[in-house]
Amino acid sequence: MIREIPEAEFHQRIERIQKMLVEKDYDAYLVHSNEADHASVRYLSDHWPIFETAGVIIPKEGDPILLIGPEAEPFAIQRSKIKKIRKLLAYRESAEPDYPDIQVSNFKEVFDEISGGKGIKRLALGDYAILPMPVYEGIKEALGSKGEIIRAEWIISDMRAVKSENEIAMMKEAHRISELALEDLLKEMKVGMTEKEAMGILYHAMYKHGAECEAFPNYIFGGRQTQNAIARATYKKLEPGQMIQLCVGARFGGYASSVGRPVIFGKMPQEMKKQVQFGLDAHLITYEWIKEGVIAKDIAEKYYQYFEKHGYSQYYLYGPCHGAGIIEVEKPWLEKTSNYPLKENMTFMADTFFTTPDYGFRWEDGFRVTKDGCEVFSSARSEIIEL
């Protein structure tokens, strides 16, 4: 079992982007990452920013450059599959130190370097939604009045959406680790523990079983807080008879997983049990609608209609799937507005969320699209869990 994406695959990714740049007559492509969303830079270089941000710029001909803040160079040299590395103040940490004793470059120098002194006229830009102002302003100044910025998130998001054999292997292993960590948590979690104490058990188990790290701040929280699609563990104690939401997500080889399960100490009240079983049924039937060539919005429509048919449309928030890979939630989403066809080896999280006035719950598992259906990455404890 390999533990990371082979270096050759990183080079192939760069080459694919360069072919697209030539086809579209773009001079270069710039992507951006930060500590929370490190996907694009890690996908192209394996560099993993911490505190600072980072970018990768790819010319249509020649070598790409990893762009980092002033402090990250030793770490970047150790990690990066891209050997050209330049330090820019635009990528420094948000406290904005001056670093008077560190020599740095600027975007004009970088543009001149990758273009052989000709400059960049048409810059394709990825990761627009997370691009910070210092980077954007630096790009604009370096391009000048005749330069053009073209939004082109699709270049890298389309590539990342369809996974290679190695990427799928990483995601499968991440889910295997998450299932093991879930079992350990269910054995050791007790009434009266705080949510954070239980989180300590989970993270210990995750690392014990080989995780690179957690894929996101994992979920352990109970009671009314389970109404939240997004939340964090607190110092509240776990109580019998209350809904408890677990979302266990390990990262392995750069790739994320998530195994979401609702649990309770004691017996579920009848109405709650009925709703949780409905959620599981909706979760499992979603897999039956997945296969290569299906239009994504058709699945989303069927999912919503399933809620309507069973009288639960008022408890629907979104669904039923979102893309997954390096980040646990990434493009593309599978929604009523999604007009794209599913492709083999696209990977998603089936994310079945149900919310009532008193509690909510989520069933979640990763899968990949196949020619005739889908391959589910995790299925452990796909049942009513009463501890």
Protein backbone atom coordinates (compact mmCIF):
# COMPACT_ATOMS: atom_id res chain seq x y z
CA MET A 1 0.00 0.00 0.00
CA ILE A 2 1.53 3.32 -1.07
CA ARG A 3 1.26 6.17 1.42
CA GLU A 4 1.42 9.09 -1.00
CA ILE A 5 0.80 10.01 -4.62
CA PRO A 6 3.87 9.09 -6.73
CA GLU A 7 5.95 12.03 -7.98
CA ALA A 8 5.32 11.14 -11.62
CA GLU A 9 1.61 11.80 -11.16
CA PHE A 10 2.29 15.37 -10.04
CA HIS A 11 4.28 15.97 -13.23
CA GLN A 12 1.44 14.52 -15.32
CA ARG A 13 -1.00 16.96 -13.72
CA ILE A 14 1.20 19.90 -14.68
CA GLU A 15 1.49 18.64 -18.26
CA ARG A 16 -2.30 18.28 -18.58
CA ILE A 17 -2.79 21.87 -17.46
CA GLN A 18 -0.15 23.13 -19.89
CA LYS A 19 -1.98 21.46 -22.78
CA MET A 20 -5.16 23.29 -21.77
CA LEU A 21 -3.29 26.60 -21.56
CA VAL A 22 -2.08 26.16 -25.12
CA GLU A 23 -5.58 25.25 -26.31
CA LYS A 24 -7.12 28.32 -24.64
CA ASP A 25 -4.22 30.66 -25.45
CA TYR A 26 -3.58 31.47 -21.80
CA ASP A 27 -0.03 32.50 -20.87
CA ALA A 28 -0.12 30.97 -17.39
CA TYR A 29 -2.35 29.50 -14.72
CA LEU A 30 -2.25 30.51 -11.04
CA VAL A 31 -3.88 28.57 -8.21
CA HIS A 32 -4.07 29.43 -4.52
CA SER A 33 -4.29 27.55 -1.21
CA ASN A 34 -4.38 28.27 2.48
CA GLU A 35 -4.22 26.14 5.60
CA ALA A 36 -7.97 25.42 5.58
CA ASP A 37 -8.27 24.77 1.84
CA HIS A 38 -4.89 23.51 0.74
CA ALA A 39 -6.18 21.38 -2.13
CA SER A 40 -4.96 23.03 -5.33
CA VAL A 41 -1.40 23.67 -4.20
CA ARG A 42 -1.13 20.23 -2.66
CA TYR A 43 -2.63 18.64 -5.79
CA LEU A 44 0.06 20.20 -7.97
CA SER A 45 3.11 20.24 -5.67
CA ASP A 46 2.34 18.30 -2.46
CA HIS A 47 3.27 21.43 -0.49
CA TRP A 48 0.89 21.87 2.45
CA PRO A 49 0.73 25.48 3.68
CA ILE A 50 0.62 26.21 7.38
CA PHE A 51 0.15 29.75 8.81
CA GLU A 52 1.10 31.23 5.43
CA THR A 53 -0.73 30.81 2.13
CA ALA A 54 0.76 29.46 -1.10
CA GLY A 55 0.29 29.37 -4.86
CA VAL A 56 1.46 27.51 -7.91
CA ILE A 57 1.96 29.27 -11.22
CA ILE A 58 2.19 27.16 -14.38
CA PRO A 59 3.35 28.73 -17.67
CA LYS A 60 2.11 27.23 -20.91
CA GLU A 61 5.72 26.26 -21.57
CA GLY A 62 8.51 25.59 -19.09
CA ASP A 63 8.68 24.79 -15.40
CA PRO A 64 6.03 25.67 -12.82
CA ILE A 65 6.94 27.66 -9.71
CA LEU A 66 5.72 27.13 -6.15
CA LEU A 67 4.96 30.51 -4.54
CA ILE A 68 5.26 30.68 -0.74
CA GLY A 69 5.61 33.11 2.14
CA PRO A 70 8.97 34.16 3.58
CA GLU A 71 9.10 31.54 6.37
CA ALA A 72 8.10 28.37 4.53
CA GLU A 73 11.13 27.71 2.33
CA PRO A 74 12.82 24.88 4.29
CA PHE A 75 9.50 23.08 4.73
CA ALA A 76 8.55 23.62 1.09
CA ILE A 77 11.90 22.27 -0.14
CA GLN A 78 11.31 19.09 1.86
CA ARG A 79 7.75 18.55 0.59
CA SER A 80 7.36 20.07 -2.83
CA LYS A 81 7.48 18.07 -6.04
CA ILE A 82 7.90 21.43 -7.81
CA LYS A 83 11.56 22.34 -7.46
CA LYS A 84 11.41 26.03 -8.39
CA ILE A 85 10.29 27.92 -5.29
CA ARG A 86 9.96 31.67 -4.83
CA LYS A 87 9.13 33.65 -1.69
CA LEU A 88 6.63 36.53 -1.93
CA LEU A 89 5.32 38.85 0.78
CA ALA A 90 1.82 38.42 -0.68
CA TYR A 91 1.81 34.89 0.78
CA ARG A 92 2.99 35.83 4.27
CA GLU A 93 0.90 35.07 7.34
CA SER A 94 -1.98 37.40 8.22
CA ALA A 95 -0.02 39.22 10.96
CA GLU A 96 1.91 40.76 8.04
CA PRO A 97 5.47 40.90 9.39
CA ASP A 98 7.92 42.91 7.26
CA TYR A 99 10.76 40.33 7.23
CA PRO A 100 13.41 42.99 6.58
CA ASP A 101 16.22 40.41 6.51
CA ILE A 102 14.63 37.96 4.07
CA GLN A 103 15.03 38.51 0.34
CA VAL A 104 11.70 38.10 -1.48
CA SER A 105 10.43 38.26 -5.04
CA ASN A 106 7.34 39.95 -6.47
CA PHE A 107 4.81 38.95 -9.11
CA LYS A 108 6.45 40.99 -11.89
CA GLU A 109 9.71 39.13 -11.35
CA VAL A 110 7.88 35.80 -11.32
CA PHE A 111 5.97 36.66 -14.51
CA ASP A 112 9.19 37.70 -16.23
CA GLU A 113 10.89 34.49 -15.12
CA ILE A 114 8.24 32.13 -16.47
CA SER A 115 7.84 34.07 -19.73
CA GLY A 116 11.51 34.61 -20.52
CA GLY A 117 11.12 38.34 -19.99
CA LYS A 118 8.11 38.73 -22.29
CA GLY A 119 5.65 39.23 -19.45
CA ILE A 120 2.22 37.71 -18.93
CA LYS A 121 -0.77 39.10 -20.82
CA ARG A 122 -3.49 36.51 -20.24
CA LEU A 123 -3.46 34.95 -16.78
CA ALA A 124 -5.94 32.18 -16.00
CA LEU A 125 -6.88 32.21 -12.32
CA GLY A 126 -8.09 29.34 -10.17
CA ASP A 127 -9.38 29.36 -6.57
CA TYR A 128 -11.02 32.74 -7.00
CA ALA A 129 -13.26 32.24 -3.97
CA ILE A 130 -10.34 32.03 -1.52
CA LEU A 131 -7.85 34.39 -3.18
CA PRO A 132 -6.74 37.09 -0.67
CA MET A 133 -6.50 40.74 -1.60
CA PRO A 134 -2.67 41.01 -1.30
CA VAL A 135 -2.28 38.29 -3.93
CA TYR A 136 -4.95 39.75 -6.22
CA GLU A 137 -3.54 43.27 -5.97
CA GLY A 138 -0.01 41.98 -6.62
CA ILE A 139 -1.21 40.16 -9.73
CA LYS A 140 -3.06 43.23 -11.03
CA GLU A 141 -0.03 45.47 -10.54
CA ALA A 142 2.31 43.03 -12.27
CA LEU A 143 -0.03 42.53 -15.24
CA GLY A 144 -0.47 46.25 -15.81
CA SER A 145 -3.31 47.91 -17.68
CA LYS A 146 -3.00 45.64 -20.72
CA GLY A 147 -3.03 42.39 -18.79
CA GLU A 148 -6.12 40.21 -18.50
CA ILE A 149 -7.29 37.94 -15.65
CA ILE A 150 -9.57 35.09 -16.71
CA ARG A 151 -11.50 33.17 -14.07
CA ALA A 152 -10.66 29.53 -14.71
CA GLU A 153 -11.42 27.50 -11.62
CA TRP A 154 -12.78 24.83 -13.95
CA ILE A 155 -9.28 23.87 -15.12
CA ILE A 156 -8.21 22.37 -11.82
CA SER A 157 -11.65 21.53 -10.42
CA ASP A 158 -12.50 19.41 -13.47
CA MET A 159 -9.19 17.60 -13.14
CA ARG A 160 -9.62 17.01 -9.43
CA ALA A 161 -13.18 15.76 -9.87
CA VAL A 162 -12.15 12.58 -11.71
CA LYS A 163 -9.69 10.56 -9.64
CA SER A 164 -6.75 8.41 -10.64
CA GLU A 165 -6.22 4.88 -9.38
CA ASN A 166 -3.77 6.18 -6.77
CA GLU A 167 -6.16 8.86 -5.54
CA ILE A 168 -8.96 6.32 -5.14
CA ALA A 169 -6.60 4.06 -3.16
CA MET A 170 -5.86 6.97 -0.78
CA MET A 171 -9.54 7.69 -0.27
CA LYS A 172 -10.34 4.04 0.38
CA GLU A 173 -7.60 3.81 2.99
CA ALA A 174 -8.75 7.03 4.64
CA HIS A 175 -12.26 5.59 4.95
CA ARG A 176 -10.93 2.29 6.29
CA ILE A 177 -9.09 4.19 9.02
CA SER A 178 -12.22 6.21 9.79
CA GLU A 179 -14.27 3.04 10.20
CA LEU A 180 -11.72 1.62 12.64
CA ALA A 181 -11.63 4.87 14.59
CA LEU A 182 -15.45 4.92 14.70
CA GLU A 183 -15.52 1.44 16.22
CA ASP A 184 -12.96 2.42 18.86
CA LEU A 185 -14.97 5.52 19.70
CA LEU A 186 -18.24 3.60 20.06
CA LYS A 187 -16.55 1.17 22.47
CA GLU A 188 -14.98 3.87 24.67
CA MET A 189 -17.42 6.78 24.56
CA LYS A 190 -19.42 7.01 27.80
CA VAL A 191 -22.34 8.97 29.25
CA GLY A 192 -21.00 11.92 31.23
CA MET A 193 -17.96 12.50 29.05
CA THR A 194 -17.74 15.91 27.47
CA GLU A 195 -17.92 16.08 23.70
CA LYS A 196 -14.28 17.18 23.72
CA GLU A 197 -13.22 14.22 25.86
CA ALA A 198 -14.84 11.91 23.33
CA MET A 199 -13.04 13.80 20.57
CA GLY A 200 -9.74 12.98 22.27
CA ILE A 201 -10.60 9.28 22.08
CA LEU A 202 -11.47 9.63 18.41
CA TYR A 203 -8.31 11.45 17.40
CA HIS A 204 -6.14 9.01 19.36
CA ALA A 205 -7.79 6.13 17.51
CA MET A 206 -7.45 7.84 14.17
CA TYR A 207 -3.71 8.38 14.49
CA LYS A 208 -3.25 4.90 15.98
CA HIS A 209 -4.74 3.37 12.86
CA GLY A 210 -2.47 5.32 10.52
CA ALA A 211 -4.16 8.61 9.65
CA GLU A 212 -2.04 11.43 8.29
CA CYS A 213 -4.32 13.75 10.28
CA GLU A 214 -8.00 14.52 10.64
CA ALA A 215 -9.61 15.57 7.35
CA PHE A 216 -11.67 18.31 9.03
CA PRO A 217 -12.65 19.20 12.63
CA ASN A 218 -14.54 15.97 13.30
CA TYR A 219 -18.05 16.04 14.75
CA ILE A 220 -19.10 14.83 18.17
CA PHE A 221 -21.97 16.84 19.58
CA GLY A 222 -25.38 16.16 21.03
CA GLY A 223 -28.84 17.52 21.68
CA ARG A 224 -30.14 20.58 19.87
CA GLN A 225 -26.71 21.29 18.40
CA THR A 226 -27.27 18.33 16.06
CA GLN A 227 -29.70 20.61 14.18
CA ASN A 228 -26.60 22.31 12.78
CA ALA A 229 -25.25 21.06 9.47
CA ILE A 230 -21.93 22.59 10.56
CA ALA A 231 -20.80 22.76 14.20
CA ARG A 232 -17.97 21.94 16.63
CA ALA A 233 -17.60 19.82 19.74
CA THR A 234 -18.12 21.66 23.04
CA TYR A 235 -17.62 21.04 26.77
CA LYS A 236 -21.21 19.81 27.11
CA LYS A 237 -21.57 16.34 28.57
CA LEU A 238 -22.98 13.47 26.56
CA GLU A 239 -26.37 12.50 27.95
CA PRO A 240 -28.60 9.44 27.62
CA GLY A 241 -31.63 9.80 25.38
CA GLN A 242 -30.27 12.64 23.26
CA MET A 243 -29.28 12.52 19.62
CA ILE A 244 -25.49 12.49 19.19
CA GLN A 245 -23.93 13.18 15.80
CA LEU A 246 -20.62 11.58 14.88
CA CYS A 247 -18.72 12.49 11.72
CA VAL A 248 -15.40 10.67 11.63
CA GLY A 249 -13.01 11.81 8.94
CA ALA A 250 -9.39 10.73 8.63
CA ARG A 251 -6.95 12.00 6.02
CA PHE A 252 -4.51 9.61 4.36
CA GLY A 253 -1.94 10.43 1.68
CA GLY A 254 -3.50 13.84 1.30
CA TYR A 255 -7.05 12.58 0.77
CA ALA A 256 -10.13 13.00 2.94
CA SER A 257 -12.85 10.72 4.23
CA SER A 258 -16.00 11.07 6.28
CA VAL A 259 -18.16 8.46 8.01
CA GLY A 260 -21.23 10.14 9.50
CA ARG A 261 -23.44 8.26 11.95
CA PRO A 262 -26.21 9.33 14.38
CA VAL A 263 -26.07 7.51 17.73
CA ILE A 264 -27.86 7.55 21.08
CA PHE A 265 -27.22 6.23 24.58
CA GLY A 266 -30.22 4.06 25.37
CA LYS A 267 -33.22 3.42 23.16
CA MET A 268 -34.31 5.87 20.50
CA PRO A 269 -37.83 7.24 20.94
CA GLN A 270 -40.16 5.76 18.35
CA GLU A 271 -40.53 8.90 16.20
CA MET A 272 -36.80 9.61 16.26
CA LYS A 273 -36.05 6.02 15.27
CA LYS A 274 -38.51 6.24 12.40
CA GLN A 275 -36.84 9.42 11.13
CA VAL A 276 -33.31 8.05 11.49
CA GLN A 277 -34.32 4.91 9.60
CA PHE A 278 -35.84 7.08 6.87
CA GLY A 279 -32.55 8.98 6.66
CA LEU A 280 -30.63 5.74 6.27
CA ASP A 281 -33.07 4.52 3.62
CA ALA A 282 -32.68 7.80 1.71
CA HIS A 283 -28.92 7.48 2.05
CA LEU A 284 -28.83 3.96 0.66
CA ILE A 285 -31.30 4.55 -2.16
CA THR A 286 -29.13 7.42 -3.41
CA TYR A 287 -26.46 4.87 -4.35
CA GLU A 288 -29.00 3.11 -6.59
CA TRP A 289 -29.39 6.26 -8.72
CA ILE A 290 -25.64 6.70 -9.29
CA LYS A 291 -23.86 5.58 -12.45
CA GLU A 292 -21.78 7.02 -15.26
CA GLY A 293 -23.73 9.21 -17.67
CA VAL A 294 -26.58 10.14 -15.32
CA ILE A 295 -27.23 13.90 -15.16
CA ALA A 296 -26.45 15.06 -11.63
CA LYS A 297 -29.57 17.21 -11.17
CA ASP A 298 -31.81 14.21 -11.94
CA ILE A 299 -30.44 12.46 -8.84
CA ALA A 300 -30.97 15.57 -6.72
CA GLU A 301 -34.56 15.81 -7.91
CA LYS A 302 -35.23 12.16 -7.09
CA TYR A 303 -33.72 12.68 -3.64
CA TYR A 304 -35.97 15.65 -2.86
CA GLN A 305 -38.99 13.78 -4.19
CA TYR A 306 -38.14 10.90 -1.86
CA PHE A 307 -38.38 13.32 1.08
CA GLU A 308 -41.69 14.64 -0.28
CA LYS A 309 -43.13 11.16 -0.82
CA HIS A 310 -42.50 10.23 2.82
CA GLY A 311 -43.80 13.52 4.22
CA TYR A 312 -40.42 14.88 5.31
CA SER A 313 -39.80 17.74 2.85
CA GLN A 314 -39.88 20.27 5.73
CA TYR A 315 -36.81 18.53 7.20
CA TYR A 316 -34.80 18.68 3.95
CA LEU A 317 -31.88 21.14 3.89
CA TYR A 318 -29.74 20.13 0.92
CA GLY A 319 -28.53 17.06 -0.81
CA PRO A 320 -27.74 14.48 -1.67
CA CYS A 321 -24.00 14.54 -2.50
CA HIS A 322 -20.96 16.76 -2.78
CA GLY A 323 -17.57 16.22 -4.36
CA ALA A 324 -14.75 14.92 -2.18
CA GLY A 325 -11.03 14.35 -2.53
CA ILE A 326 -8.21 16.31 -0.97
CA ILE A 327 -10.89 18.37 0.78
CA GLU A 328 -13.87 16.62 2.35
CA VAL A 329 -16.20 19.06 0.58
CA GLU A 330 -15.10 20.15 -2.86
CA LYS A 331 -16.50 20.68 -6.35
CA PRO A 332 -18.73 19.50 -7.86
CA TRP A 333 -21.88 19.55 -5.76
CA LEU A 334 -24.78 17.39 -6.79
CA GLU A 335 -27.82 19.69 -6.62
CA LYS A 336 -31.05 20.48 -8.49
CA THR A 337 -29.07 23.00 -10.57
CA SER A 338 -26.27 20.54 -11.51
CA ASN A 339 -26.40 19.94 -15.28
CA TYR A 340 -23.24 17.87 -15.68
CA PRO A 341 -23.17 14.11 -16.38
CA LEU A 342 -21.50 11.83 -13.85
CA LYS A 343 -18.19 10.35 -15.01
CA GLU A 344 -16.45 7.17 -13.97
CA ASN A 345 -14.12 7.74 -11.01
CA MET A 346 -15.74 10.95 -9.89
CA THR A 347 -15.78 10.76 -6.08
CA PHE A 348 -18.46 12.13 -3.77
CA MET A 349 -19.74 12.06 -0.25
CA ALA A 350 -23.31 10.83 0.03
CA ASP A 351 -24.35 13.40 2.64
CA THR A 352 -27.86 12.75 3.95
CA PHE A 353 -28.79 15.51 6.41
CA PHE A 354 -32.16 15.68 8.19
CA THR A 355 -33.11 18.46 10.60
CA THR A 356 -36.12 18.86 12.92
CA PRO A 357 -36.99 21.59 15.46
CA ASP A 358 -35.37 19.53 18.25
CA TYR A 359 -32.46 17.67 16.66
CA GLY A 360 -30.86 16.72 13.37
CA PHE A 361 -28.67 13.91 12.07
CA ARG A 362 -26.43 12.98 9.17
CA TRP A 363 -25.52 9.76 7.40
CA GLU A 364 -22.36 10.23 5.34
CA ASP A 365 -20.03 8.00 3.33
CA GLY A 366 -17.69 8.37 0.38
CA PHE A 367 -18.08 6.61 -2.95
CA ARG A 368 -16.83 6.64 -6.53
CA VAL A 369 -18.90 6.55 -9.70
CA THR A 370 -18.54 3.41 -11.83
CA LYS A 371 -19.83 2.60 -15.31
CA ASP A 372 -22.76 0.64 -13.89
CA GLY A 373 -23.28 2.16 -10.44
CA CYS A 374 -21.00 3.19 -7.62
CA GLU A 375 -18.39 1.75 -5.26
CA VAL A 376 -19.05 2.77 -1.66
CA PHE A 377 -15.94 3.41 0.45
CA SER A 378 -17.52 2.85 3.87
CA SER A 379 -20.55 1.00 5.15
CA ALA A 380 -19.68 0.13 8.77
CA ARG A 381 -22.52 0.60 11.25
CA SER A 382 -25.10 1.47 8.59
CA GLU A 383 -27.77 0.71 11.16
CA ILE A 384 -29.62 2.23 14.09
CA ILE A 385 -26.88 2.68 16.70
CA GLU A 386 -28.10 2.48 20.29
CA LEU A 387 -25.30 2.32 22.88
